[in-house]
Amino acid sequence: MKVRAAVYFGLSSLFARQISADPVRLIALDGEIHQPERAAVVERRQTANVTIPAPVVVATSPYWEGNDGPWSSFAFQIGKPAQNVRLFPATAATNTWAVISQGCPDGSPANCQALRGSFFNSNQSLTWVPNSIFGTSLEVNLGMEINGQFGFDTLTLGWQGDNGPTLEHSIVAGIAADTYWLGLFGLNPRPTNFTTFNNPQVSYMQQLKNTNKIPSVSWSYTAGAPYRFSKVFGSLVLGGYDTSRFATNNLSFPFYEDIQRDLLVTIQSISTTSASDGSTVSLLSAPMTAFIDSTVPYMWLPLDACQKFENAFGLVWNVTKKLYLVNDTLHSTLLARNASVTFTLGTKSTGGPTVDIVLPYGAFDLIAQYPLVANDTRYFPLKRATNDTQYTLGRTFLQEAYLIADYERLNFTVAPCAWHENAVQHIVAIPSVNSTTSPSSNSSPGSSFPAGAIAGVVVGIVVLIALVALVLFCLRRKRAKKRKAAELEDTSWSRPNGSDHSDAKLVPTAVDGELDSGAVHEMFAPHKQAYHEMHAPYKTDLPAEMGGNGSGYFEGNVPGRTEVEGSTPVFEMPGSEAHEMTTLSQFSQRGR
């Protein structure tokens, strides 16, 4: 059965963010409809008294693993009681996957569970809520879609003692296929729309923002480099970035319109140096666009580009394994040569600002393991793409690139990694577009900030000033209308209009619109009704003598008389004497 993922992508407004619907749905493969408890979406309004949280630094595990790596993995806990698992960050995924026991069938290595990042057993979790079996709808264009047993469970970032945030009822899928050797932690904040639910289910990233655990829907990631110093672990920051891990640049990329390939960049050129004379060799015939995706390890490039790599590095494509396998002789040659490959990225095909990401040979020196090959074999992580939808820069690229994605401002930054031995971590928060309070982070006034984020903040400040000016203008108009309503037409002493009592007390009126203790004050009601002719008796709660009729009933067809709302509060009219109001029309004139 063809199964497609359902996702929604966020669109930013000036001071609010609303996720718009994309009507793609996950269809249950077992044909059954399951209705577990729905995930609650918690919304929290930003106020001046709310402390904006600091970014969350996800703890790495101490392991380098994967059957196509080695790669730096990250620590997570799933369920209650907590089960420790190790996952890879996936920039294209929207939820969390964990390997289940079926992922190590008979014939697997004895340490298969450890090799796959440990198992998640839903039967041992008290908080597991099953959903159904769905196709993951991820990497369909690369032929890497698998099925998963989806449900909801408690998910904690880091291991016990790391003090990572914990969220209930998060989407979790148990996977068995070896297409992805370790499980994945989805960084894309789009919700998932299951056919078993009427409403989309919120992503973990959006949950973090909704519960005020991160300052914004954003993240930063680099895969780490085992060939640098004494192995440099990866870095994953939710709601911010680590300035110690990259070299600042002013290039910002807008999200691509295809929400499944949002982190799209233009590769203007790929080059290396010649082994013979050290001259520059082009490895790309023409500029192309590629999707940055940490979910997969490889780089998919056009066939002609792959052939240029073959010529430059002596690579041979293994048709059976569909890999560029590297034997010991070629490996020794490439190590001695130590050539690097430079990717020049920009926002357009030619010209404009660019950024160079330089990968040394160590970034390509990876090892394929079971079940990709029978015995551990070195390989070069390059794949032949069959069409432009497959052009991808995977985890290999992110060993030397630092990626910052801001889903509220819809832009991202790709920067070259900075390599300083024993560098001190320096985390800076990315504020939300509707934030009015400085985030709580360990940033300093001189900290660098991505160009895209700066532009978003500037736009927000300008619009905020405009809104404040508009509010002040409306308040002044409202006050002016109230002052005008308070002015009375006559400045002399007079009897109430229409009074036929010769002994009625004179009522003092306001002088020049000034309201003092001896003048009649208008009591402002929440609203004023239009005058209506009534055809039946109407009883008013007005505490005044109306024309001597002590019953408080009036004939609705008497000219000049108005409806008085039953909810009008009782007011005592100030003055030096008790004032008798002889007609309802006199009262209504003063209320205008």
Protein backbone atom coordinates (compact mmCIF):
# COMPACT_ATOMS: atom_id res chain seq x y z
CA MET A 1 0.00 0.00 0.00
CA LYS A 2 1.24 3.45 -0.83
CA VAL A 3 1.53 5.43 2.39
CA ARG A 4 2.24 9.11 2.63
CA ALA A 5 3.21 11.21 5.61
CA ALA A 6 1.02 14.01 6.75
CA VAL A 7 2.78 17.15 7.82
CA TYR A 8 2.05 20.80 8.39
CA PHE A 9 4.48 23.62 8.01
CA GLY A 10 4.73 26.80 10.03
CA LEU A 11 4.13 30.19 8.48
CA SER A 12 5.20 33.25 10.42
CA SER A 13 3.23 36.42 10.84
CA LEU A 14 4.49 39.66 12.36
CA PHE A 15 4.03 38.79 16.02
CA ALA A 16 2.34 35.41 15.96
CA ARG A 17 3.01 32.09 14.37
CA GLN A 18 0.36 29.81 13.00
CA ILE A 19 0.89 26.39 11.54
CA SER A 20 -0.96 25.96 8.29
CA ALA A 21 -2.43 22.68 7.16
CA ASP A 22 -1.07 20.45 4.46
CA PRO A 23 -3.74 17.80 3.89
CA VAL A 24 -1.42 14.80 3.63
CA ARG A 25 -2.25 11.95 5.94
CA LEU A 26 -0.60 8.89 7.48
CA ILE A 27 -2.77 5.89 6.66
CA ALA A 28 -2.87 2.93 9.02
CA LEU A 29 -1.43 -0.15 7.28
CA ASP A 30 -3.42 -2.66 9.31
CA GLY A 31 -6.71 -1.19 8.10
CA GLU A 32 -7.93 -0.69 11.66
CA ILE A 33 -8.87 2.57 13.28
CA HIS A 34 -7.35 3.12 16.72
CA GLN A 35 -8.37 5.97 18.95
CA PRO A 36 -5.84 6.42 21.77
CA GLU A 37 -5.86 9.49 23.93
CA ARG A 38 -5.06 12.58 21.89
CA ALA A 39 -2.01 14.66 22.45
CA ALA A 40 -2.82 17.95 24.09
CA VAL A 41 -1.38 21.10 22.59
CA VAL A 42 -0.46 23.51 25.36
CA GLU A 43 -0.34 27.13 24.35
CA ARG A 44 1.31 29.74 26.53
CA ARG A 45 1.04 33.44 25.86
CA GLN A 46 4.16 35.52 26.13
CA THR A 47 3.86 38.24 28.78
CA ALA A 48 6.20 40.71 30.36
CA ASN A 49 6.27 38.59 33.54
CA VAL A 50 7.27 35.36 31.77
CA THR A 51 10.96 34.47 31.84
CA ILE A 52 11.97 33.22 28.42
CA PRO A 53 13.72 29.87 28.81
CA ALA A 54 17.31 29.17 27.86
CA PRO A 55 18.11 26.92 24.90
CA VAL A 56 18.34 23.18 25.54
CA VAL A 57 21.68 21.51 24.84
CA VAL A 58 20.99 17.85 24.07
CA ALA A 59 23.58 15.57 25.65
CA THR A 60 25.71 13.40 23.38
CA SER A 61 26.30 9.78 24.19
CA PRO A 62 29.94 8.67 24.61
CA TYR A 63 29.63 6.47 21.52
CA TRP A 64 30.61 6.71 17.86
CA GLU A 65 28.33 4.32 16.03
CA GLY A 66 26.28 3.40 12.99
CA ASN A 67 26.88 0.80 10.28
CA ASP A 68 27.85 3.57 7.82
CA GLY A 69 29.91 5.86 10.06
CA PRO A 70 31.16 6.29 12.71
CA TRP A 71 28.75 9.01 13.87
CA SER A 72 28.23 10.83 17.15
CA SER A 73 24.93 9.72 18.71
CA PHE A 74 22.75 11.48 21.31
CA ALA A 75 21.13 10.27 24.54
CA PHE A 76 17.37 9.95 25.08
CA GLN A 77 14.92 8.27 27.46
CA ILE A 78 11.58 6.87 26.34
CA GLY A 79 8.68 5.68 28.49
CA LYS A 80 8.10 5.22 32.22
CA PRO A 81 10.13 3.73 33.72
CA ALA A 82 12.66 5.33 31.40
CA GLN A 83 14.45 3.24 28.78
CA ASN A 84 17.78 4.62 27.51
CA VAL A 85 18.25 4.77 23.75
CA ARG A 86 20.75 6.43 21.43
CA LEU A 87 19.51 8.30 18.36
CA PHE A 88 20.78 10.40 15.47
CA PRO A 89 19.30 13.90 14.92
CA ALA A 90 17.21 13.93 11.73
CA THR A 91 16.63 17.34 10.16
CA ALA A 92 13.94 15.99 7.81
CA ALA A 93 12.01 13.87 10.34
CA THR A 94 9.10 15.21 12.40
CA ASN A 95 8.95 12.59 15.16
CA THR A 96 11.07 10.12 17.12
CA TRP A 97 11.99 6.61 16.01
CA ALA A 98 13.51 3.92 18.22
CA VAL A 99 14.66 0.42 17.27
CA ILE A 100 12.56 -2.43 18.66
CA SER A 101 13.58 -6.04 19.32
CA GLN A 102 12.35 -7.20 15.91
CA GLY A 103 15.23 -5.17 14.49
CA CYS A 104 17.64 -7.92 15.48
CA PRO A 105 16.23 -11.16 14.00
CA ASP A 106 17.90 -14.57 14.12
CA GLY A 107 21.31 -14.48 12.50
CA SER A 108 22.12 -10.97 13.70
CA PRO A 109 25.38 -10.26 15.56
CA ALA A 110 25.30 -11.16 19.23
CA ASN A 111 25.65 -7.51 20.19
CA CYS A 112 23.02 -6.35 17.71
CA GLN A 113 20.98 -4.50 20.36
CA ALA A 114 23.99 -2.45 21.41
CA LEU A 115 24.98 -1.83 17.79
CA ARG A 116 21.53 -0.40 17.04
CA GLY A 117 21.46 2.04 19.94
CA SER A 118 19.52 -0.23 22.32
CA PHE A 119 15.87 -1.31 22.11
CA PHE A 120 12.68 0.41 23.13
CA ASN A 121 10.14 -2.06 24.52
CA SER A 122 6.69 -0.46 24.56
CA ASN A 123 5.28 -3.32 26.68
CA GLN A 124 7.52 -2.24 29.56
CA SER A 125 6.34 1.38 29.52
CA LEU A 126 3.40 2.38 31.71
CA THR A 127 2.79 5.51 29.62
CA TRP A 128 2.76 3.91 26.15
CA VAL A 129 -0.40 4.62 24.13
CA PRO A 130 -0.51 2.58 20.91
CA ASN A 131 -1.69 4.05 17.63
CA SER A 132 -1.10 1.87 14.55
CA ILE A 133 1.40 0.80 11.90
CA PHE A 134 2.19 3.52 9.37
CA GLY A 135 4.63 4.19 6.60
CA THR A 136 7.10 6.79 7.81
CA SER A 137 6.88 8.73 4.53
CA LEU A 138 10.48 9.86 4.94
CA GLU A 139 13.14 9.81 2.19
CA VAL A 140 10.62 8.41 -0.29
CA ASN A 141 12.53 10.06 -3.14
CA LEU A 142 15.66 8.17 -2.06
CA GLY A 143 13.88 4.82 -1.85
CA MET A 144 14.37 4.69 1.93
CA GLU A 145 10.80 4.73 3.28
CA ILE A 146 10.06 2.16 5.98
CA ASN A 147 7.14 1.23 8.26
CA GLY A 148 6.89 1.91 11.97
CA GLN A 149 4.67 1.00 14.91
CA PHE A 150 3.46 4.44 15.99
CA GLY A 151 2.18 5.45 19.37
CA PHE A 152 2.65 8.04 22.11
CA ASP A 153 4.95 7.97 25.11
CA THR A 154 7.05 10.05 27.50
CA LEU A 155 10.25 11.38 25.91
CA THR A 156 13.18 12.90 27.80
CA LEU A 157 16.25 14.55 26.30
CA GLY A 158 19.49 13.15 27.73
CA TRP A 159 19.99 10.44 30.30
CA GLN A 160 19.30 10.40 34.03
CA GLY A 161 21.15 13.27 35.68
CA ASP A 162 21.37 15.38 32.51
CA ASN A 163 18.31 17.41 33.61
CA GLY A 164 16.88 17.39 30.11
CA PRO A 165 13.22 18.36 29.51
CA THR A 166 10.54 15.67 29.68
CA LEU A 167 7.32 15.76 27.65
CA GLU A 168 4.36 13.43 27.92
CA HIS A 169 2.44 11.93 25.01
CA SER A 170 5.09 12.52 22.35
CA ILE A 171 4.95 10.71 19.02
CA VAL A 172 7.23 7.66 19.04
CA ALA A 173 7.63 5.01 16.34
CA GLY A 174 9.20 1.61 16.84
CA ILE A 175 11.21 0.53 13.77
CA ALA A 176 12.75 -2.79 12.82
CA ALA A 177 14.07 -2.29 9.26
CA ASP A 178 17.85 -1.91 8.97
CA THR A 179 17.54 0.92 6.43
CA TYR A 180 18.20 3.21 9.39
CA TRP A 181 20.61 1.40 11.71
CA LEU A 182 19.92 3.66 14.70
CA GLY A 183 16.70 5.42 15.58
CA LEU A 184 16.10 9.09 14.81
CA PHE A 185 15.14 12.23 16.72
CA GLY A 186 13.06 14.45 14.41
CA LEU A 187 14.00 18.14 14.38
CA ASN A 188 11.36 19.34 11.92
CA PRO A 189 8.49 20.94 13.92
CA ARG A 190 5.66 20.08 11.51
CA PRO A 191 2.85 18.07 13.17
CA THR A 192 1.78 14.65 11.90
CA ASN A 193 -1.74 13.98 10.66
CA PHE A 194 -2.66 10.35 11.30
CA THR A 195 -5.76 8.88 9.67
CA THR A 196 -6.65 7.54 13.11
CA PHE A 197 -7.19 11.08 14.41
CA ASN A 198 -9.28 14.01 13.31
CA ASN A 199 -6.64 16.54 14.34
CA PRO A 200 -2.90 16.69 13.61
CA GLN A 201 -0.59 15.56 16.40
CA VAL A 202 1.97 18.10 17.56
CA SER A 203 5.70 17.47 17.09
CA TYR A 204 8.19 17.27 19.94
CA MET A 205 9.89 20.50 18.86
CA GLN A 206 6.59 22.37 18.88
CA GLN A 207 5.70 20.80 22.24
CA LEU A 208 8.90 22.22 23.69
CA LYS A 209 7.99 25.71 22.52
CA ASN A 210 4.33 25.43 23.56
CA THR A 211 5.34 24.43 27.10
CA ASN A 212 7.90 27.24 27.33
CA LYS A 213 10.91 24.93 27.53
CA ILE A 214 12.81 26.55 24.62
CA PRO A 215 12.82 30.21 23.55
CA SER A 216 11.80 29.60 19.92
CA VAL A 217 11.12 26.92 17.34
CA SER A 218 14.70 26.68 16.15
CA TRP A 219 17.75 24.48 16.45
CA SER A 220 21.41 24.16 15.48
CA TYR A 221 23.38 21.02 14.67
CA THR A 222 26.73 19.72 13.53
CA ALA A 223 27.51 16.02 13.25
CA GLY A 224 30.91 16.02 14.93
CA ALA A 225 34.23 14.85 13.51
CA PRO A 226 36.07 11.74 14.76
CA TYR A 227 39.11 12.74 12.68
CA ARG A 228 39.57 16.11 14.47
CA PHE A 229 41.79 16.31 17.56
CA SER A 230 40.79 13.51 19.93
CA LYS A 231 37.41 13.08 18.29
CA VAL A 232 35.03 16.05 18.47
CA PHE A 233 31.49 15.02 19.37
CA GLY A 234 28.43 16.39 17.65
CA SER A 235 26.43 19.35 18.94
CA LEU A 236 22.65 19.77 19.07
CA VAL A 237 21.08 22.91 20.58
CA LEU A 238 17.31 23.44 20.61
CA GLY A 239 16.26 27.10 20.58
CA GLY A 240 19.76 28.48 20.07
CA TYR A 241 23.30 27.84 18.86
CA ASP A 242 26.85 27.40 20.11
CA THR A 243 29.15 30.21 18.91
CA SER A 244 32.26 28.17 19.74
CA ARG A 245 31.42 25.64 17.00
CA PHE A 246 31.31 27.78 13.84
CA ALA A 247 32.85 30.69 11.98
CA THR A 248 30.44 33.59 11.58
CA ASN A 249 29.20 34.55 8.14
CA ASN A 250 26.47 36.88 6.88
CA LEU A 251 24.79 34.45 4.48
CA SER A 252 21.23 33.42 5.28
CA PHE A 253 19.08 31.09 3.18
CA PRO A 254 15.26 31.34 3.01
CA PHE A 255 13.30 28.14 3.46
CA TYR A 256 12.42 26.53 0.15
CA GLU A 257 8.75 26.48 -0.83
CA ASP A 258 8.64 22.65 -0.86
CA ILE A 259 8.14 21.91 2.83
CA GLN A 260 9.70 18.46 2.47
CA ARG A 261 12.90 20.01 1.09
CA ASP A 262 12.93 23.26 3.07
CA LEU A 263 16.70 23.33 3.77
CA LEU A 264 17.60 23.75 0.10
CA VAL A 265 20.86 25.42 -0.95
CA THR A 266 22.45 26.22 -4.29
CA ILE A 267 25.81 24.58 -4.87
CA GLN A 268 27.65 26.97 -7.16
CA SER A 269 30.74 24.79 -7.41
CA ILE A 270 32.55 21.75 -6.01
CA SER A 271 36.32 21.66 -6.38
CA THR A 272 39.47 19.90 -5.24
CA THR A 273 43.18 20.04 -6.02
CA SER A 274 44.92 17.97 -8.65
CA ALA A 275 47.11 15.11 -7.45
CA SER A 276 49.67 15.86 -10.17
CA ASP A 277 50.24 19.60 -10.09
CA GLY A 278 48.07 20.95 -7.28
CA SER A 279 45.83 22.96 -9.61
CA THR A 280 42.12 23.42 -8.93
CA VAL A 281 39.88 20.71 -10.39
CA SER A 282 36.14 21.29 -10.83
CA LEU A 283 33.92 18.43 -9.70
CA LEU A 284 30.63 19.99 -10.82
CA SER A 285 29.65 20.77 -14.40
CA ALA A 286 26.95 23.32 -13.55
CA PRO A 287 25.37 24.86 -10.45
CA MET A 288 22.69 22.75 -8.78
CA THR A 289 20.39 22.80 -5.77
CA ALA A 290 20.67 20.21 -2.99
CA PHE A 291 18.77 19.41 0.19
CA ILE A 292 20.72 19.38 3.47
CA ASP A 293 19.54 16.34 5.42
CA SER A 294 21.21 14.77 8.47
CA THR A 295 18.80 11.82 8.35
CA VAL A 296 21.06 10.04 5.85
CA PRO A 297 24.87 9.71 5.77
CA TYR A 298 25.49 10.01 2.05
CA MET A 299 25.78 12.77 -0.52
CA TRP A 300 23.65 12.24 -3.64
CA LEU A 301 25.08 14.12 -6.65
CA PRO A 302 24.43 14.01 -10.42
CA LEU A 303 26.06 11.17 -12.32
CA ASP A 304 28.51 13.46 -14.14
CA ALA A 305 29.65 14.92 -10.80
CA CYS A 306 30.15 11.39 -9.42
CA GLN A 307 32.24 10.53 -12.46
CA LYS A 308 34.41 13.59 -11.83
CA PHE A 309 34.92 12.37 -8.24
CA GLU A 310 35.87 8.95 -9.64
CA ASN A 311 38.53 10.49 -11.86
CA ALA A 312 39.89 12.79 -9.14
CA PHE A 313 40.13 10.17 -6.37
CA GLY A 314 40.31 6.84 -8.19
CA LEU A 315 36.92 5.68 -6.94
CA VAL A 316 35.12 2.62 -8.34
CA TRP A 317 31.35 2.18 -8.11
CA ASN A 318 30.24 -1.21 -6.76
CA VAL A 319 27.05 -2.01 -8.64
CA THR A 320 26.00 -4.76 -6.23
CA LYS A 321 26.44 -2.82 -2.99
CA LYS A 322 25.69 0.53 -4.64
CA LEU A 323 28.64 2.03 -2.79
CA TYR A 324 32.07 3.42 -3.63
CA LEU A 325 34.12 0.83 -1.74
CA VAL A 326 37.72 1.77 -0.88
CA ASN A 327 40.38 -0.95 -0.63
CA ASP A 328 43.49 -0.67 1.52
CA THR A 329 45.74 0.46 -1.34
CA LEU A 330 43.44 3.29 -2.41
CA HIS A 331 42.92 4.26 1.23
CA SER A 332 46.66 4.62 1.82
CA THR A 333 47.00 6.71 -1.33
CA LEU A 334 44.17 9.06 -0.35
CA LEU A 335 45.52 9.41 3.19
CA ALA A 336 48.92 10.39 1.90
CA ARG A 337 47.44 12.84 -0.56
CA ASN A 338 45.07 14.33 2.05
CA ALA A 339 43.14 16.27 -0.58
CA SER A 340 40.12 18.33 0.46
CA VAL A 341 36.85 19.05 -1.33
CA THR A 342 35.33 22.56 -1.26
CA PHE A 343 31.58 23.12 -1.61
CA THR A 344 30.72 26.73 -2.49
CA LEU A 345 27.13 27.54 -1.49
CA GLY A 346 24.99 30.55 -2.37
CA THR A 347 21.39 31.66 -2.64
CA LYS A 348 21.54 31.76 -6.45
CA SER A 349 23.42 30.02 -9.24
CA THR A 350 26.04 32.69 -9.78
CA GLY A 351 27.21 35.76 -7.90
CA GLY A 352 25.98 37.10 -4.61
CA PRO A 353 27.33 36.18 -1.19
CA THR A 354 28.69 32.65 -0.81
CA VAL A 355 30.10 30.39 1.88
CA ASP A 356 32.75 27.68 1.45
CA ILE A 357 32.48 24.39 3.32
CA VAL A 358 35.77 22.50 3.08
CA LEU A 359 35.79 18.75 3.75
CA PRO A 360 39.18 17.04 4.28
CA TYR A 361 39.61 13.47 3.19
CA GLY A 362 38.96 12.35 6.77
CA ALA A 363 35.32 13.38 6.37
CA PHE A 364 34.96 10.85 3.55
CA ASP A 365 36.92 8.06 5.25
CA LEU A 366 34.00 5.99 6.55
CA ILE A 367 33.41 2.31 7.31
CA ALA A 368 30.51 0.18 6.03
CA GLN A 369 29.47 -2.64 8.35
CA TYR A 370 26.86 -5.38 8.62
CA PRO A 371 24.35 -5.62 7.02
CA LEU A 372 25.60 -3.25 4.27
CA VAL A 373 28.58 -5.58 3.75
CA ALA A 374 29.61 -8.94 5.17
CA ASN A 375 32.87 -7.59 6.61
CA ASP A 376 33.87 -4.08 7.66
CA THR A 377 34.93 -2.18 4.54
CA ARG A 378 35.98 1.41 3.97
CA TYR A 379 33.82 3.38 1.60
CA PHE A 380 33.46 6.89 0.15
CA PRO A 381 29.96 8.28 1.08
CA LEU A 382 28.95 9.39 -2.43
CA LYS A 383 25.78 8.18 -4.17
CA ARG A 384 24.68 8.42 -7.78
CA ALA A 385 21.43 10.40 -8.00
CA THR A 386 18.93 9.42 -10.68
CA ASN A 387 17.10 12.78 -10.73
CA ASP A 388 17.26 16.24 -9.17
CA THR A 389 14.86 15.34 -6.32
CA GLN A 390 17.60 13.12 -4.94
CA TYR A 391 20.34 15.75 -4.76
CA THR A 392 21.20 15.63 -1.06
CA LEU A 393 23.99 16.69 1.29
CA GLY A 394 23.78 14.23 4.17
CA ARG A 395 25.46 13.76 7.52
CA THR A 396 28.89 13.57 5.86
CA PHE A 397 28.58 17.22 4.84
CA LEU A 398 27.53 18.25 8.35
CA GLN A 399 30.83 17.07 9.83
CA GLU A 400 32.32 20.34 8.57
CA ALA A 401 29.17 22.49 8.38
CA TYR A 402 27.22 24.06 11.24
CA LEU A 403 23.50 24.33 10.46
CA ILE A 404 21.14 26.79 12.21
CA ALA A 405 17.42 26.57 11.32
CA ASP A 406 14.82 29.12 12.46
CA TYR A 407 11.27 27.90 11.80
CA GLU A 408 9.66 31.11 13.01
CA ARG A 409 11.53 33.40 10.63
CA LEU A 410 11.67 30.72 7.91
CA ASN A 411 15.40 30.93 7.24
CA PHE A 412 18.58 29.00 8.00
CA THR A 413 22.31 29.50 8.11
CA VAL A 414 25.12 27.22 6.92
CA ALA A 415 28.50 28.10 8.38
CA PRO A 416 31.89 26.38 8.32
CA CYS A 417 32.77 24.65 11.58
CA ALA A 418 35.42 26.27 13.75
CA TRP A 419 38.03 23.91 15.16
CA HIS A 420 39.62 24.94 18.45
CA GLU A 421 40.91 22.28 20.75
CA ASN A 422 39.31 22.47 24.21
CA ALA A 423 36.90 25.18 23.01
CA VAL A 424 34.53 26.46 25.70
CA GLN A 425 30.85 26.04 24.87
CA HIS A 426 29.02 29.35 24.44
CA ILE A 427 25.27 29.02 23.94
CA VAL A 428 23.18 31.89 22.54
CA ALA A 429 19.37 31.84 22.44
CA ILE A 430 17.33 32.59 19.32
CA PRO A 431 14.33 34.63 20.56
CA SER A 432 10.84 33.96 19.31
CA VAL A 433 9.33 36.39 16.81
CA ASN A 434 6.74 37.43 19.42
CA SER A 435 9.23 37.69 22.28
CA THR A 436 9.37 40.94 24.27
CA THR A 437 11.76 39.76 26.99
CA SER A 438 15.43 38.92 26.73
CA PRO A 439 16.01 35.15 26.72
CA SER A 440 17.79 33.59 29.66
CA SER A 441 21.03 32.23 28.19
CA ASN A 442 24.72 32.48 28.78
CA SER A 443 25.22 34.82 25.85
CA SER A 444 27.25 37.99 26.13
CA PRO A 445 26.57 41.41 24.60
CA GLY A 446 29.24 40.81 22.00
CA SER A 447 27.90 37.45 20.87
CA SER A 448 27.44 36.92 17.16
CA PHE A 449 23.96 36.39 15.83
CA PRO A 450 22.78 34.88 12.51
CA ALA A 451 21.90 37.50 9.91
CA GLY A 452 18.46 36.03 9.35
CA ALA A 453 17.62 36.24 13.05
CA ILE A 454 18.82 39.86 13.23
CA ALA A 455 16.60 40.81 10.30
CA GLY A 456 13.60 39.17 11.94
CA VAL A 457 14.17 41.00 15.22
CA VAL A 458 14.51 44.37 13.46
CA VAL A 459 11.27 43.84 11.56
CA GLY A 460 9.53 42.85 14.78
CA ILE A 461 10.69 45.99 16.60
CA VAL A 462 9.54 48.27 13.78
CA VAL A 463 6.07 46.69 13.68
CA LEU A 464 5.82 46.80 17.48
CA ILE A 465 6.48 50.55 17.47
CA ALA A 466 3.78 50.99 14.82
CA LEU A 467 1.27 48.99 16.88
CA VAL A 468 2.02 51.04 20.02
CA ALA A 469 1.47 54.28 18.07
CA LEU A 470 -1.84 52.95 16.73
CA VAL A 471 -3.04 51.97 20.21
CA LEU A 472 -2.15 55.42 21.61
CA PHE A 473 -4.00 57.11 18.75
CA CYS A 474 -7.14 55.03 19.38
CA LEU A 475 -7.03 55.77 23.12
CA ARG A 476 -6.76 59.52 22.50
CA ARG A 477 -9.75 59.42 20.14
CA LYS A 478 -11.78 57.48 22.69
CA ARG A 479 -10.96 59.95 25.45
CA ALA A 480 -11.81 62.88 23.21
CA LYS A 481 -15.24 61.40 22.51
CA LYS A 482 -15.85 60.93 26.22
CA ARG A 483 -14.93 64.54 26.97
CA LYS A 484 -17.30 65.73 24.27
CA ALA A 485 -20.12 63.61 25.66
CA ALA A 486 -19.54 65.17 29.07
CA GLU A 487 -20.21 68.70 27.85
CA LEU A 488 -23.70 70.03 28.55
CA GLU A 489 -25.47 72.49 26.31
CA ASP A 490 -26.70 74.98 28.93
CA THR A 491 -24.51 76.82 31.45
CA SER A 492 -27.39 78.41 33.40
CA TRP A 493 -29.69 77.26 36.17
CA SER A 494 -32.93 75.72 34.83
CA ARG A 495 -35.86 73.54 35.70
CA PRO A 496 -36.02 70.01 34.30
CA ASN A 497 -37.59 70.09 30.84
CA GLY A 498 -41.31 69.44 30.73
CA SER A 499 -41.76 69.79 34.48
CA ASP A 500 -45.21 70.88 35.54
CA HIS A 501 -44.32 71.16 39.22
CA SER A 502 -43.98 74.75 40.35
CA ASP A 503 -42.07 73.74 43.47
CA ALA A 504 -39.46 71.55 41.71
CA LYS A 505 -35.89 72.27 42.71
CA LEU A 506 -33.58 73.97 40.26
CA VAL A 507 -30.94 71.61 38.86
CA PRO A 508 -27.43 73.04 38.41
CA THR A 509 -25.83 72.23 35.04
CA ALA A 510 -22.14 71.87 34.17
CA VAL A 511 -20.28 75.08 33.44
CA ASP A 512 -18.17 75.02 30.27
CA GLY A 513 -18.09 71.23 30.38
CA GLU A 514 -16.21 71.14 33.72
CA LEU A 515 -17.55 68.51 36.12
CA ASP A 516 -17.38 69.58 39.76
CA SER A 517 -19.02 68.45 42.96
CA GLY A 518 -22.06 70.64 42.44
CA ALA A 519 -22.75 69.76 38.85
CA VAL A 520 -24.68 66.89 37.37
CA HIS A 521 -22.20 64.14 36.42
CA GLU A 522 -22.83 61.81 33.51
CA MET A 523 -22.38 58.16 34.51
CA PHE A 524 -20.85 56.35 31.56
CA ALA A 525 -22.50 53.06 30.79
CA PRO A 526 -20.69 50.34 28.87
CA HIS A 527 -22.76 51.14 25.79
CA LYS A 528 -25.66 53.25 24.63
CA GLN A 529 -28.71 51.82 22.99
CA ALA A 530 -30.54 53.34 20.09
CA TYR A 531 -33.98 54.74 20.97
CA HIS A 532 -36.93 52.42 20.29
CA GLU A 533 -40.67 52.84 20.47
CA MET A 534 -42.18 50.25 22.79
CA HIS A 535 -45.70 48.93 22.41
CA ALA A 536 -46.06 47.35 25.80
CA PRO A 537 -45.42 48.47 29.38
CA TYR A 538 -41.80 48.34 30.39
CA LYS A 539 -40.49 48.42 33.90
CA THR A 540 -37.30 50.33 34.62
CA ASP A 541 -34.93 49.92 37.52
CA LEU A 542 -34.10 53.62 37.47
CA PRO A 543 -34.18 54.92 41.07
CA ALA A 544 -35.94 58.17 40.28
CA GLU A 545 -39.48 59.58 40.39
CA MET A 546 -40.65 59.62 36.83
CA GLY A 547 -43.48 62.11 36.33
CA GLY A 548 -44.96 61.20 39.69
CA ASN A 549 -45.77 57.65 38.62
CA GLY A 550 -44.50 55.74 41.62
CA SER A 551 -45.13 52.36 40.06
CA GLY A 552 -42.15 52.72 37.75
CA TYR A 553 -44.25 51.64 34.74
CA PHE A 554 -44.43 53.78 31.60
CA GLU A 555 -46.45 53.56 28.50
CA GLY A 556 -44.07 52.74 25.66
CA ASN A 557 -45.82 54.98 23.15
CA VAL A 558 -45.23 58.21 25.04
CA PRO A 559 -43.11 60.47 22.81
CA GLY A 560 -39.54 61.15 23.84
CA ARG A 561 -39.34 58.24 26.21
CA THR A 562 -36.49 55.71 25.92
CA GLU A 563 -35.72 52.17 26.89
CA VAL A 564 -33.61 51.86 30.02
CA GLU A 565 -31.51 48.68 30.24
CA GLY A 566 -32.46 46.47 33.15
CA SER A 567 -28.81 45.91 33.99
CA THR A 568 -28.10 49.65 34.42
CA PRO A 569 -26.55 50.10 37.88
CA VAL A 570 -28.05 52.45 40.48
CA PHE A 571 -26.24 55.78 40.65
CA GLU A 572 -26.76 58.56 43.14
CA MET A 573 -26.73 61.91 41.36
CA PRO A 574 -24.52 64.34 43.29
CA GLY A 575 -25.64 67.86 44.09
CA SER A 576 -26.63 70.14 46.90
CA GLU A 577 -30.23 68.97 46.87
CA ALA A 578 -32.17 65.82 46.05
CA HIS A 579 -33.22 66.31 42.47
CA GLU A 580 -36.53 65.30 41.16
CA MET A 581 -36.49 64.26 37.51
CA THR A 582 -39.90 64.78 36.11
CA THR A 583 -39.52 63.14 32.72
CA LEU A 584 -37.52 60.29 31.29
CA SER A 585 -36.53 62.45 28.30
CA GLN A 586 -34.67 64.85 30.61
CA PHE A 587 -32.59 61.94 31.89
CA SER A 588 -31.86 60.71 28.40
CA GLN A 589 -30.69 64.19 27.30
CA ARG A 590 -28.10 64.19 30.01
CA GLY A 591 -26.96 60.70 29.07
CA ARG A 592 -26.10 61.68 25.55
